Amino acid sequence: MTHIDRYDYAFDPDGNAWAARVLRRIPSQGSVLELGPGPGAMTRVLRDRGYAVTVVENDPEALSALEALGAQCVAGDLDGSEWMNALADQRFDVILACDVLEHLRRPDDLLRALSALLVPMGSLIISVPNIAYAGVVAGLRLGQFDYADKGQLDRTHVHFFTRRSLERKLLDCGWAPRTWEANQVPLEQSEFASCWKDLSDAQRTSLRDGWHEFDVYQWMVVATASSDAVAWEGAAARAQVDALREELQALTLRHESELASLREHQKAFSEAKVIIKDLEHRIATTQGPSEALRDELVALKTLMTDRSWSARWRRFWGAM
C-alpha cells in the first residue's frame, strides 16, 4: 500500500457514510475549495455533481489523480502560505477541510487565512477525529497509545482535537461554529475493539454511563467567518420565521378542516335533539308505545352522549 492509497476509499454518495454526510452539508450549487483531498474520493463525487472544485494538495501522485477528475489543482503545503498566491483573485462558496487539521503543525495559521478565500456568507466545513473517543480512552486504561498507518492514531497526526478544543480554536481564529454533527462508531467496530473487550465490565460501564458522546469517532462542524455573524443571524432568523409561518399555515388548514367536520356533527346532533323530543312526545301520548320506538330513542340518546366527539370539540377550541 502506497502512502496515497491509505487515504483512498469508496462510498455511496447517497448513503449514510461519513463522507456522504459531510457532502450533504454543501449547498446545492457553488464553488468548492477542497484542502488536502488525497486521491480525491470526495472530489470525484463533487465533480460528478457539477461543482467547480479547486484543490490544494502536496502529494504529486494525488495531484495526477485529481487533475484527471477535472479539478483545478494547486500544488502546495497547507502548513505554508505560498499556495494562497495562486488563489489570490478567487473566492469560494465553501471551503472543505476534512481530516486535514490534525496533520498540520500550524493549523491556527491556516484557519486565520481561510476567511480571505470565502465569499460573503460562505462556509467552512471541517471534520476531525475525536481524541476523546472511548476507544482511545480504553487503550490508555490498558497503557496503550500505539500509532498506526491510519485511524485515530494515524502516525502522521501531530494535533489532536475534542469538540471543545476545536470550538475554542475556531473562535480564536475568527470563526463562528454554526452546526455540529457527530460520527458515532460502535467500539466493537473500531480499531480499538480488542482494547474495549479487554476492559472489565465495570470499566466499560464507567465509560458509557453519563457520557453520551463516548462513541463519537469524528466531529464535523460548519463554521462561518465571525465578520459575517450579523448577516448569518439575520438569515437564520428569517429562515426560522419562514418555518414558523409554514407550520402555522399547516395548523390553520388542519384546524379549518376539523372545524368544518365538527360543525357538521354539531348540526347532526341538533337535528337529533329535535327527533328525540318528537319521539319522547310520541311515546308519552301513545297508548302502549312499541318496542321499536323505545329502541330508536335509546339509540339516539346513546349517540348524543358519545364522549369522543364532545372531547374532540373541547380539544379543538382549547387549541385555538
C-alpha atoms as a PDB file:
ATOM      1  CA  MET A   1       0.000   0.000   0.000  1.00  0.00           C
ATOM      2  CA  THR A   2       1.404   3.367  -1.031  1.00  0.00           C
ATOM      3  CA  HIS A   3       1.144   6.480   1.116  1.00  0.00           C
ATOM      4  CA  ILE A   4      -1.686   7.857  -1.000  1.00  0.00           C
ATOM      5  CA  ASP A   5      -3.607   4.560  -1.147  1.00  0.00           C
ATOM      6  CA  ARG A   6      -4.129   4.746   2.609  1.00  0.00           C
ATOM      7  CA  TYR A   7      -6.458   7.698   2.090  1.00  0.00           C
ATOM      8  CA  ASP A   8      -8.390   6.372  -0.886  1.00  0.00           C
ATOM      9  CA  TYR A   9     -11.829   4.853  -0.303  1.00  0.00           C
ATOM     10  CA  ALA A  10     -15.174   4.363  -1.978  1.00  0.00           C
ATOM     11  CA  PHE A  11     -18.548   5.320  -0.526  1.00  0.00           C
ATOM     12  CA  ASP A  12     -22.178   5.617  -1.552  1.00  0.00           C
ATOM     13  CA  PRO A  13     -22.791   9.357  -2.073  1.00  0.00           C
ATOM     14  CA  ASP A  14     -26.462   8.872  -1.214  1.00  0.00           C
ATOM     15  CA  GLY A  15     -25.815   6.606   1.772  1.00  0.00           C
ATOM     16  CA  ASN A  16     -25.028   7.243   5.414  1.00  0.00           C
ATOM     17  CA  ALA A  17     -21.239   7.032   5.218  1.00  0.00           C
ATOM     18  CA  TRP A  18     -19.407   9.868   6.951  1.00  0.00           C
ATOM     19  CA  ALA A  19     -18.120  11.304   3.659  1.00  0.00           C
ATOM     20  CA  ALA A  20     -21.661  11.345   2.232  1.00  0.00           C
ATOM     21  CA  ARG A  21     -22.952  13.140   5.325  1.00  0.00           C
ATOM     22  CA  VAL A  22     -20.194  15.733   5.030  1.00  0.00           C
ATOM     23  CA  LEU A  23     -21.026  16.397   1.378  1.00  0.00           C
ATOM     24  CA  ARG A  24     -24.692  16.883   2.236  1.00  0.00           C
ATOM     25  CA  ARG A  25     -23.636  19.982   4.185  1.00  0.00           C
ATOM     26  CA  ILE A  26     -22.543  21.666   0.946  1.00  0.00           C
ATOM     27  CA  PRO A  27     -25.150  23.906  -0.751  1.00  0.00           C
ATOM     28  CA  SER A  28     -26.696  22.508  -3.914  1.00  0.00           C
ATOM     29  CA  GLN A  29     -24.517  24.679  -6.148  1.00  0.00           C
ATOM     30  CA  GLY A  30     -21.434  26.865  -5.994  1.00  0.00           C
ATOM     31  CA  SER A  31     -17.661  26.687  -5.966  1.00  0.00           C
ATOM     32  CA  VAL A  32     -15.725  24.477  -3.556  1.00  0.00           C
ATOM     33  CA  LEU A  33     -12.151  24.750  -2.315  1.00  0.00           C
ATOM     34  CA  GLU A  34     -11.086  21.334  -1.017  1.00  0.00           C
ATOM     35  CA  LEU A  35      -7.979  21.192   1.149  1.00  0.00           C
ATOM     36  CA  GLY A  36      -5.837  18.067   1.292  1.00  0.00           C
ATOM     37  CA  PRO A  37      -8.203  15.797  -0.650  1.00  0.00           C
ATOM     38  CA  GLY A  38      -5.680  12.997  -1.182  1.00  0.00           C
ATOM     39  CA  PRO A  39      -6.537  10.944  -4.279  1.00  0.00           C
ATOM     40  CA  GLY A  40      -9.991  12.569  -4.474  1.00  0.00           C
ATOM     41  CA  ALA A  41     -12.677  10.254  -3.079  1.00  0.00           C
ATOM     42  CA  MET A  42     -14.877  13.242  -2.259  1.00  0.00           C
ATOM     43  CA  THR A  43     -13.598  15.325  -5.183  1.00  0.00           C
ATOM     44  CA  ARG A  44     -14.900  12.701  -7.585  1.00  0.00           C
ATOM     45  CA  VAL A  45     -18.431  12.971  -6.181  1.00  0.00           C
ATOM     46  CA  LEU A  46     -18.335  16.770  -6.209  1.00  0.00           C
ATOM     47  CA  ARG A  47     -17.247  16.852  -9.841  1.00  0.00           C
ATOM     48  CA  ASP A  48     -19.943  14.303 -10.781  1.00  0.00           C
ATOM     49  CA  ARG A  49     -22.489  16.617  -9.175  1.00  0.00           C
ATOM     50  CA  GLY A  50     -21.345  19.560 -11.252  1.00  0.00           C
ATOM     51  CA  TYR A  51     -19.451  21.622  -8.693  1.00  0.00           C
ATOM     52  CA  ALA A  52     -16.491  23.755  -9.700  1.00  0.00           C
ATOM     53  CA  VAL A  53     -13.769  22.283  -7.484  1.00  0.00           C
ATOM     54  CA  THR A  54     -10.342  23.667  -6.671  1.00  0.00           C
ATOM     55  CA  VAL A  55      -7.991  21.501  -4.628  1.00  0.00           C
ATOM     56  CA  VAL A  56      -4.800  22.178  -2.693  1.00  0.00           C
ATOM     57  CA  GLU A  57      -2.615  19.090  -2.357  1.00  0.00           C
ATOM     58  CA  ASN A  58       1.111  18.474  -1.941  1.00  0.00           C
ATOM     59  CA  ASP A  59       1.370  14.812  -2.986  1.00  0.00           C
ATOM     60  CA  PRO A  60       2.428  14.512  -6.683  1.00  0.00           C
ATOM     61  CA  GLU A  61       0.682  11.169  -7.122  1.00  0.00           C
ATOM     62  CA  ALA A  62      -2.556  12.538  -5.698  1.00  0.00           C
ATOM     63  CA  LEU A  63      -2.312  15.641  -7.891  1.00  0.00           C
ATOM     64  CA  SER A  64      -2.181  13.463 -11.010  1.00  0.00           C
ATOM     65  CA  ALA A  65      -5.355  11.668  -9.928  1.00  0.00           C
ATOM     66  CA  LEU A  66      -7.079  14.958  -9.118  1.00  0.00           C
ATOM     67  CA  GLU A  67      -6.191  16.525 -12.458  1.00  0.00           C
ATOM     68  CA  ALA A  68      -7.790  13.535 -14.180  1.00  0.00           C
ATOM     69  CA  LEU A  69     -11.017  14.309 -12.322  1.00  0.00           C
ATOM     70  CA  GLY A  70     -11.142  17.805 -13.834  1.00  0.00           C
ATOM     71  CA  ALA A  71     -10.409  19.733 -10.653  1.00  0.00           C
ATOM     72  CA  GLN A  72      -8.341  22.911 -10.669  1.00  0.00           C
ATOM     73  CA  CYS A  73      -5.199  21.788  -8.877  1.00  0.00           C
ATOM     74  CA  VAL A  74      -2.837  23.868  -6.767  1.00  0.00           C
ATOM     75  CA  ALA A  75       0.315  22.193  -5.521  1.00  0.00           C
ATOM     76  CA  GLY A  76       1.094  23.418  -2.050  1.00  0.00           C
ATOM     77  CA  ASP A  77       1.864  22.663   1.571  1.00  0.00           C
ATOM     78  CA  LEU A  78      -1.013  23.745   3.818  1.00  0.00           C
ATOM     79  CA  ASP A  79       1.487  24.456   6.596  1.00  0.00           C
ATOM     80  CA  GLY A  80       2.837  27.237   4.385  1.00  0.00           C
ATOM     81  CA  SER A  81       1.180  30.199   2.695  1.00  0.00           C
ATOM     82  CA  GLU A  82       2.702  30.194  -0.797  1.00  0.00           C
ATOM     83  CA  TRP A  83      -0.233  28.257  -2.275  1.00  0.00           C
ATOM     84  CA  MET A  84      -2.578  31.131  -1.455  1.00  0.00           C
ATOM     85  CA  ASN A  85      -0.861  33.311  -4.045  1.00  0.00           C
ATOM     86  CA  ALA A  86      -2.288  31.091  -6.782  1.00  0.00           C
ATOM     87  CA  LEU A  87      -5.809  31.780  -5.444  1.00  0.00           C
ATOM     88  CA  ALA A  88      -5.385  35.482  -4.681  1.00  0.00           C
ATOM     89  CA  ASP A  89      -8.135  36.552  -7.093  1.00  0.00           C
ATOM     90  CA  GLN A  90     -10.578  33.730  -6.304  1.00  0.00           C
ATOM     91  CA  ARG A  91     -13.363  33.399  -3.739  1.00  0.00           C
ATOM     92  CA  PHE A  92     -15.292  30.247  -2.903  1.00  0.00           C
ATOM     93  CA  ASP A  93     -18.761  29.447  -1.584  1.00  0.00           C
ATOM     94  CA  VAL A  94     -17.487  26.567   0.534  1.00  0.00           C
ATOM     95  CA  ILE A  95     -14.114  25.516   1.894  1.00  0.00           C
ATOM     96  CA  LEU A  96     -13.826  21.835   2.754  1.00  0.00           C
ATOM     97  CA  ALA A  97     -11.170  20.637   5.208  1.00  0.00           C
ATOM     98  CA  CYS A  98     -11.923  17.003   6.025  1.00  0.00           C
ATOM     99  CA  ASP A  99      -9.398  15.214   8.249  1.00  0.00           C
ATOM    100  CA  VAL A 100      -6.796  17.866   7.496  1.00  0.00           C
ATOM    101  CA  LEU A 101      -6.146  19.990  10.595  1.00  0.00           C
ATOM    102  CA  GLU A 102      -4.769  17.092  12.619  1.00  0.00           C
ATOM    103  CA  HIS A 103      -1.950  16.698  10.064  1.00  0.00           C
ATOM    104  CA  LEU A 104      -0.780  20.320  10.271  1.00  0.00           C
ATOM    105  CA  ARG A 105       1.920  21.743  12.518  1.00  0.00           C
ATOM    106  CA  ARG A 106       0.288  25.187  12.459  1.00  0.00           C
ATOM    107  CA  PRO A 107      -3.464  24.763  11.945  1.00  0.00           C
ATOM    108  CA  ASP A 108      -4.106  28.168  13.542  1.00  0.00           C
ATOM    109  CA  ASP A 109      -2.272  29.940  10.704  1.00  0.00           C
ATOM    110  CA  LEU A 110      -4.369  28.154   8.103  1.00  0.00           C
ATOM    111  CA  LEU A 111      -7.660  28.886   9.880  1.00  0.00           C
ATOM    112  CA  ARG A 112      -6.855  32.589  10.181  1.00  0.00           C
ATOM    113  CA  ALA A 113      -6.029  32.820   6.469  1.00  0.00           C
ATOM    114  CA  LEU A 114      -9.025  30.944   5.065  1.00  0.00           C
ATOM    115  CA  SER A 115     -11.670  33.619   5.596  1.00  0.00           C
ATOM    116  CA  ALA A 116      -9.989  35.712   2.882  1.00  0.00           C
ATOM    117  CA  LEU A 117     -10.868  32.984   0.366  1.00  0.00           C
ATOM    118  CA  LEU A 118     -14.597  32.863   1.111  1.00  0.00           C
ATOM    119  CA  VAL A 119     -17.395  34.852  -0.478  1.00  0.00           C
ATOM    120  CA  PRO A 120     -19.575  36.795   1.987  1.00  0.00           C
ATOM    121  CA  MET A 121     -21.832  34.325   3.807  1.00  0.00           C
ATOM    122  CA  GLY A 122     -19.637  31.438   2.687  1.00  0.00           C
ATOM    123  CA  SER A 123     -18.994  28.472   4.972  1.00  0.00           C
ATOM    124  CA  LEU A 124     -16.089  26.370   6.176  1.00  0.00           C
ATOM    125  CA  ILE A 125     -16.777  22.655   6.703  1.00  0.00           C
ATOM    126  CA  ILE A 126     -14.324  20.785   8.915  1.00  0.00           C
ATOM    127  CA  SER A 127     -14.134  17.225  10.154  1.00  0.00           C
ATOM    128  CA  VAL A 128     -11.562  15.939  12.631  1.00  0.00           C
ATOM    129  CA  PRO A 129     -11.015  12.732  14.607  1.00  0.00           C
ATOM    130  CA  ASN A 130     -12.202  12.961  18.204  1.00  0.00           C
ATOM    131  CA  ILE A 131      -9.336  12.067  20.550  1.00  0.00           C
ATOM    132  CA  ALA A 132     -11.901  11.723  23.357  1.00  0.00           C
ATOM    133  CA  TYR A 133     -13.315   8.623  21.648  1.00  0.00           C
ATOM    134  CA  ALA A 134     -13.850   5.910  24.271  1.00  0.00           C
ATOM    135  CA  GLY A 135     -11.665   3.506  22.290  1.00  0.00           C
ATOM    136  CA  VAL A 136      -8.668   5.792  22.770  1.00  0.00           C
ATOM    137  CA  VAL A 137      -9.510   6.055  26.473  1.00  0.00           C
ATOM    138  CA  ALA A 138      -9.843   2.279  26.695  1.00  0.00           C
ATOM    139  CA  GLY A 139      -6.355   1.899  25.235  1.00  0.00           C
ATOM    140  CA  LEU A 140      -4.995   4.389  27.759  1.00  0.00           C
ATOM    141  CA  ARG A 141      -6.596   2.396  30.596  1.00  0.00           C
ATOM    142  CA  LEU A 142      -4.529  -0.542  29.360  1.00  0.00           C
ATOM    143  CA  GLY A 143      -1.387   1.567  28.934  1.00  0.00           C
ATOM    144  CA  GLN A 144      -1.606   1.623  25.128  1.00  0.00           C
ATOM    145  CA  PHE A 145      -1.226   4.580  22.769  1.00  0.00           C
ATOM    146  CA  ASP A 146       0.140   2.940  19.640  1.00  0.00           C
ATOM    147  CA  TYR A 147       0.355   4.833  16.345  1.00  0.00           C
ATOM    148  CA  ALA A 148      -0.856   3.102  13.178  1.00  0.00           C
ATOM    149  CA  ASP A 149      -0.992   3.672   9.416  1.00  0.00           C
ATOM    150  CA  LYS A 150      -4.484   5.212   9.632  1.00  0.00           C
ATOM    151  CA  GLY A 151      -7.315   5.842  12.038  1.00  0.00           C
ATOM    152  CA  GLN A 152      -7.474   7.858  15.248  1.00  0.00           C
ATOM    153  CA  LEU A 153      -3.768   7.382  15.921  1.00  0.00           C
ATOM    154  CA  ASP A 154      -2.516   7.810  12.357  1.00  0.00           C
ATOM    155  CA  ARG A 155       1.229   8.270  12.694  1.00  0.00           C
ATOM    156  CA  THR A 156       1.043  11.494  10.638  1.00  0.00           C
ATOM    157  CA  HIS A 157      -1.278  13.194  13.160  1.00  0.00           C
ATOM    158  CA  VAL A 158       0.504  15.988  15.008  1.00  0.00           C
ATOM    159  CA  HIS A 159      -2.549  17.615  16.612  1.00  0.00           C
ATOM    160  CA  PHE A 160      -5.473  16.067  18.463  1.00  0.00           C
ATOM    161  CA  PHE A 161      -8.919  17.573  18.962  1.00  0.00           C
ATOM    162  CA  THR A 162     -12.034  17.235  21.037  1.00  0.00           C
ATOM    163  CA  ARG A 163     -15.214  19.134  20.240  1.00  0.00           C
ATOM    164  CA  ARG A 164     -14.404  21.699  22.916  1.00  0.00           C
ATOM    165  CA  SER A 165     -10.809  22.250  21.819  1.00  0.00           C
ATOM    166  CA  LEU A 166     -11.814  22.601  18.156  1.00  0.00           C
ATOM    167  CA  GLU A 167     -14.554  25.055  19.083  1.00  0.00           C
ATOM    168  CA  ARG A 168     -12.111  27.213  21.055  1.00  0.00           C
ATOM    169  CA  LYS A 169      -9.579  27.153  18.217  1.00  0.00           C
ATOM    170  CA  LEU A 170     -12.204  28.234  15.686  1.00  0.00           C
ATOM    171  CA  LEU A 171     -13.372  31.090  17.893  1.00  0.00           C
ATOM    172  CA  ASP A 172      -9.792  32.200  18.495  1.00  0.00           C
ATOM    173  CA  CYS A 173      -9.117  32.197  14.748  1.00  0.00           C
ATOM    174  CA  GLY A 174     -12.134  34.287  13.728  1.00  0.00           C
ATOM    175  CA  TRP A 175     -14.731  31.592  13.038  1.00  0.00           C
ATOM    176  CA  ALA A 176     -18.203  31.071  14.476  1.00  0.00           C
ATOM    177  CA  PRO A 177     -19.289  27.399  14.707  1.00  0.00           C
ATOM    178  CA  ARG A 178     -22.844  27.062  13.405  1.00  0.00           C
ATOM    179  CA  THR A 179     -23.687  23.365  13.200  1.00  0.00           C
ATOM    180  CA  TRP A 180     -22.134  20.254  14.732  1.00  0.00           C
ATOM    181  CA  GLU A 181     -22.579  16.646  13.692  1.00  0.00           C
ATOM    182  CA  ALA A 182     -21.125  13.507  15.255  1.00  0.00           C
ATOM    183  CA  ASN A 183     -19.923  10.328  13.570  1.00  0.00           C
ATOM    184  CA  GLN A 184     -20.729   7.654  16.134  1.00  0.00           C
ATOM    185  CA  VAL A 185     -18.876   4.371  15.659  1.00  0.00           C
ATOM    186  CA  PRO A 186     -19.540   1.352  17.916  1.00  0.00           C
ATOM    187  CA  LEU A 187     -16.407   0.451  19.853  1.00  0.00           C
ATOM    188  CA  GLU A 188     -16.668  -3.138  18.671  1.00  0.00           C
ATOM    189  CA  GLN A 189     -16.321  -1.962  15.040  1.00  0.00           C
ATOM    190  CA  SER A 190     -13.298   0.280  15.600  1.00  0.00           C
ATOM    191  CA  GLU A 191      -9.571  -0.351  15.657  1.00  0.00           C
ATOM    192  CA  PHE A 192      -9.886  -0.328  19.455  1.00  0.00           C
ATOM    193  CA  ALA A 193     -12.227  -3.338  19.612  1.00  0.00           C
ATOM    194  CA  SER A 194      -9.654  -5.517  21.396  1.00  0.00           C
ATOM    195  CA  CYS A 195      -8.894  -2.794  23.959  1.00  0.00           C
ATOM    196  CA  TRP A 196     -12.577  -2.387  24.648  1.00  0.00           C
ATOM    197  CA  LYS A 197     -13.012  -6.127  25.043  1.00  0.00           C
ATOM    198  CA  ASP A 198     -10.070  -6.352  27.451  1.00  0.00           C
ATOM    199  CA  LEU A 199     -11.644  -3.881  29.866  1.00  0.00           C
ATOM    200  CA  SER A 200     -13.684  -5.240  32.736  1.00  0.00           C
ATOM    201  CA  ASP A 201     -17.456  -4.857  32.695  1.00  0.00           C
ATOM    202  CA  ALA A 202     -17.175  -2.222  35.417  1.00  0.00           C
ATOM    203  CA  GLN A 203     -14.623  -0.229  33.399  1.00  0.00           C
ATOM    204  CA  ARG A 204     -16.786  -0.301  30.264  1.00  0.00           C
ATOM    205  CA  THR A 205     -19.825   0.751  32.275  1.00  0.00           C
ATOM    206  CA  SER A 206     -17.926   3.672  33.811  1.00  0.00           C
ATOM    207  CA  LEU A 207     -17.005   4.916  30.331  1.00  0.00           C
ATOM    208  CA  ARG A 208     -20.547   4.610  28.964  1.00  0.00           C
ATOM    209  CA  ASP A 209     -22.642   5.891  31.850  1.00  0.00           C
ATOM    210  CA  GLY A 210     -23.231   9.620  31.919  1.00  0.00           C
ATOM    211  CA  TRP A 211     -21.122  10.228  28.803  1.00  0.00           C
ATOM    212  CA  HIS A 212     -23.398  10.352  25.775  1.00  0.00           C
ATOM    213  CA  GLU A 213     -20.514  11.251  23.430  1.00  0.00           C
ATOM    214  CA  PHE A 214     -18.373   8.260  24.391  1.00  0.00           C
ATOM    215  CA  ASP A 215     -18.695   6.683  20.911  1.00  0.00           C
ATOM    216  CA  VAL A 216     -18.147   9.846  18.809  1.00  0.00           C
ATOM    217  CA  TYR A 217     -15.302   8.925  16.465  1.00  0.00           C
ATOM    218  CA  GLN A 218     -15.277  12.171  14.464  1.00  0.00           C
ATOM    219  CA  TRP A 219     -16.733  15.651  14.724  1.00  0.00           C
ATOM    220  CA  MET A 220     -17.945  17.762  11.838  1.00  0.00           C
ATOM    221  CA  VAL A 221     -18.596  21.477  12.175  1.00  0.00           C
ATOM    222  CA  VAL A 222     -19.947  24.051   9.742  1.00  0.00           C
ATOM    223  CA  ALA A 223     -18.448  27.446  10.593  1.00  0.00           C
ATOM    224  CA  THR A 224     -18.758  30.937   9.193  1.00  0.00           C
ATOM    225  CA  ALA A 225     -16.481  33.941   9.450  1.00  0.00           C
ATOM    226  CA  SER A 226     -17.118  35.940  12.621  1.00  0.00           C
ATOM    227  CA  SER A 227     -17.305  39.068  10.454  1.00  0.00           C
ATOM    228  CA  ASP A 228     -20.457  37.591   8.868  1.00  0.00           C
ATOM    229  CA  ALA A 229     -22.094  36.966  12.248  1.00  0.00           C
ATOM    230  CA  VAL A 230     -24.758  39.673  11.945  1.00  0.00           C
ATOM    231  CA  ALA A 231     -25.714  38.620   8.417  1.00  0.00           C
ATOM    232  CA  TRP A 232     -25.850  34.950   9.426  1.00  0.00           C
ATOM    233  CA  GLU A 233     -28.006  35.703  12.454  1.00  0.00           C
ATOM    234  CA  GLY A 234     -30.382  37.658  10.218  1.00  0.00           C
ATOM    235  CA  ALA A 235     -30.544  34.827   7.693  1.00  0.00           C
ATOM    236  CA  ALA A 236     -31.146  32.299  10.474  1.00  0.00           C
ATOM    237  CA  ALA A 237     -33.926  34.466  11.928  1.00  0.00           C
ATOM    238  CA  ARG A 238     -35.590  34.800   8.519  1.00  0.00           C
ATOM    239  CA  ALA A 239     -35.386  31.039   7.986  1.00  0.00           C
ATOM    240  CA  GLN A 240     -36.957  30.464  11.401  1.00  0.00           C
ATOM    241  CA  VAL A 241     -39.772  32.913  10.652  1.00  0.00           C
ATOM    242  CA  ASP A 242     -40.428  31.202   7.304  1.00  0.00           C
ATOM    243  CA  ALA A 243     -40.530  27.793   9.022  1.00  0.00           C
ATOM    244  CA  LEU A 244     -42.944  29.077  11.677  1.00  0.00           C
ATOM    245  CA  ARG A 245     -45.137  30.658   9.015  1.00  0.00           C
ATOM    246  CA  GLU A 246     -45.350  27.333   7.142  1.00  0.00           C
ATOM    247  CA  GLU A 247     -46.135  25.496  10.374  1.00  0.00           C
ATOM    248  CA  LEU A 248     -48.886  27.999  11.214  1.00  0.00           C
ATOM    249  CA  GLN A 249     -50.389  27.634   7.749  1.00  0.00           C
ATOM    250  CA  ALA A 250     -50.427  23.836   8.076  1.00  0.00           C
ATOM    251  CA  LEU A 251     -52.055  24.069  11.527  1.00  0.00           C
ATOM    252  CA  THR A 252     -54.653  26.531  10.240  1.00  0.00           C
ATOM    253  CA  LEU A 253     -55.606  24.261   7.343  1.00  0.00           C
ATOM    254  CA  ARG A 254     -55.866  21.259   9.659  1.00  0.00           C
ATOM    255  CA  HIS A 255     -57.980  23.182  12.185  1.00  0.00           C
ATOM    256  CA  GLU A 256     -60.263  24.544   9.455  1.00  0.00           C
ATOM    257  CA  SER A 257     -60.851  21.025   8.171  1.00  0.00           C
ATOM    258  CA  GLU A 258     -61.541  19.711  11.662  1.00  0.00           C
ATOM    259  CA  LEU A 259     -63.785  22.667  12.491  1.00  0.00           C
ATOM    260  CA  ALA A 260     -65.866  22.029   9.382  1.00  0.00           C
ATOM    261  CA  SER A 261     -66.222  18.373  10.379  1.00  0.00           C
ATOM    262  CA  LEU A 262     -67.180  19.251  13.942  1.00  0.00           C
ATOM    263  CA  ARG A 263     -69.755  21.779  12.746  1.00  0.00           C
ATOM    264  CA  GLU A 264     -71.352  19.113  10.570  1.00  0.00           C
ATOM    265  CA  HIS A 265     -71.619  16.834  13.603  1.00  0.00           C
ATOM    266  CA  GLN A 266     -72.984  19.701  15.711  1.00  0.00           C
ATOM    267  CA  LYS A 267     -75.685  20.212  13.089  1.00  0.00           C
ATOM    268  CA  ALA A 268     -76.465  16.500  13.098  1.00  0.00           C
ATOM    269  CA  PHE A 269     -76.715  16.490  16.905  1.00  0.00           C
ATOM    270  CA  SER A 270     -79.095  19.472  16.830  1.00  0.00           C
ATOM    271  CA  GLU A 271     -81.310  17.612  14.383  1.00  0.00           C
ATOM    272  CA  ALA A 272     -81.114  14.512  16.575  1.00  0.00           C
ATOM    273  CA  LYS A 273     -82.335  16.522  19.581  1.00  0.00           C
ATOM    274  CA  VAL A 274     -85.438  17.513  17.637  1.00  0.00           C
ATOM    275  CA  ILE A 275     -86.050  13.885  16.669  1.00  0.00           C
ATOM    276  CA  ILE A 276     -85.604  12.740  20.283  1.00  0.00           C
ATOM    277  CA  LYS A 277     -88.133  15.327  21.518  1.00  0.00           C
ATOM    278  CA  ASP A 278     -90.565  14.151  18.881  1.00  0.00           C
ATOM    279  CA  LEU A 279     -90.074  10.503  19.841  1.00  0.00           C
ATOM    280  CA  GLU A 280     -90.469  11.290  23.535  1.00  0.00           C
ATOM    281  CA  HIS A 281     -93.689  13.120  22.756  1.00  0.00           C
ATOM    282  CA  ARG A 282     -94.978  10.238  20.644  1.00  0.00           C
ATOM    283  CA  ILE A 283     -94.114   7.711  23.368  1.00  0.00           C
ATOM    284  CA  ALA A 284     -95.811   9.858  26.027  1.00  0.00           C
ATOM    285  CA  THR A 285     -99.023  10.274  24.007  1.00  0.00           C
ATOM    286  CA  THR A 286     -99.228   6.805  22.502  1.00  0.00           C
ATOM    287  CA  GLN A 287    -101.086   4.034  24.308  1.00  0.00           C
ATOM    288  CA  GLY A 288     -98.658   1.141  24.771  1.00  0.00           C
ATOM    289  CA  PRO A 289     -95.582   2.509  22.936  1.00  0.00           C
ATOM    290  CA  SER A 290     -93.922  -0.007  20.687  1.00  0.00           C
ATOM    291  CA  GLU A 291     -90.565  -1.580  21.442  1.00  0.00           C
ATOM    292  CA  ALA A 292     -89.288  -0.178  18.143  1.00  0.00           C
ATOM    293  CA  LEU A 293     -89.899   3.405  19.296  1.00  0.00           C
ATOM    294  CA  ARG A 294     -88.221   2.743  22.616  1.00  0.00           C
ATOM    295  CA  ASP A 295     -85.169   1.146  20.902  1.00  0.00           C
ATOM    296  CA  GLU A 296     -84.851   4.085  18.486  1.00  0.00           C
ATOM    297  CA  LEU A 297     -84.980   6.560  21.380  1.00  0.00           C
ATOM    298  CA  VAL A 298     -82.268   4.656  23.306  1.00  0.00           C
ATOM    299  CA  ALA A 299     -80.025   4.538  20.240  1.00  0.00           C
ATOM    300  CA  LEU A 300     -80.340   8.280  19.640  1.00  0.00           C
ATOM    301  CA  LYS A 301     -79.615   9.137  23.265  1.00  0.00           C
ATOM    302  CA  THR A 302     -76.548   6.883  23.163  1.00  0.00           C
ATOM    303  CA  LEU A 303     -75.317   8.764  20.093  1.00  0.00           C
ATOM    304  CA  MET A 304     -75.884  12.100  21.827  1.00  0.00           C
ATOM    305  CA  THR A 305     -73.797  11.063  24.831  1.00  0.00           C
ATOM    306  CA  ASP A 306     -70.879   9.805  22.724  1.00  0.00           C
ATOM    307  CA  ARG A 307     -67.946  11.419  24.530  1.00  0.00           C
ATOM    308  CA  SER A 308     -65.426  11.138  21.673  1.00  0.00           C
ATOM    309  CA  TRP A 309     -66.949  13.962  19.629  1.00  0.00           C
ATOM    310  CA  SER A 310     -67.568  16.231  22.591  1.00  0.00           C
ATOM    311  CA  ALA A 311     -63.969  15.677  23.703  1.00  0.00           C
ATOM    312  CA  ARG A 312     -62.750  16.481  20.225  1.00  0.00           C
ATOM    313  CA  TRP A 313     -64.781  19.668  20.234  1.00  0.00           C
ATOM    314  CA  ARG A 314     -63.336  20.762  23.571  1.00  0.00           C
ATOM    315  CA  ARG A 315     -59.779  19.961  22.436  1.00  0.00           C
ATOM    316  CA  PHE A 316     -60.242  21.952  19.267  1.00  0.00           C
ATOM    317  CA  TRP A 317     -61.497  25.085  20.975  1.00  0.00           C
ATOM    318  CA  GLY A 318     -58.885  24.731  23.657  1.00  0.00           C
ATOM    319  CA  ALA A 319     -56.139  24.772  20.989  1.00  0.00           C
ATOM    320  CA  MET A 320     -57.461  27.907  19.281  1.00  0.00           C
END
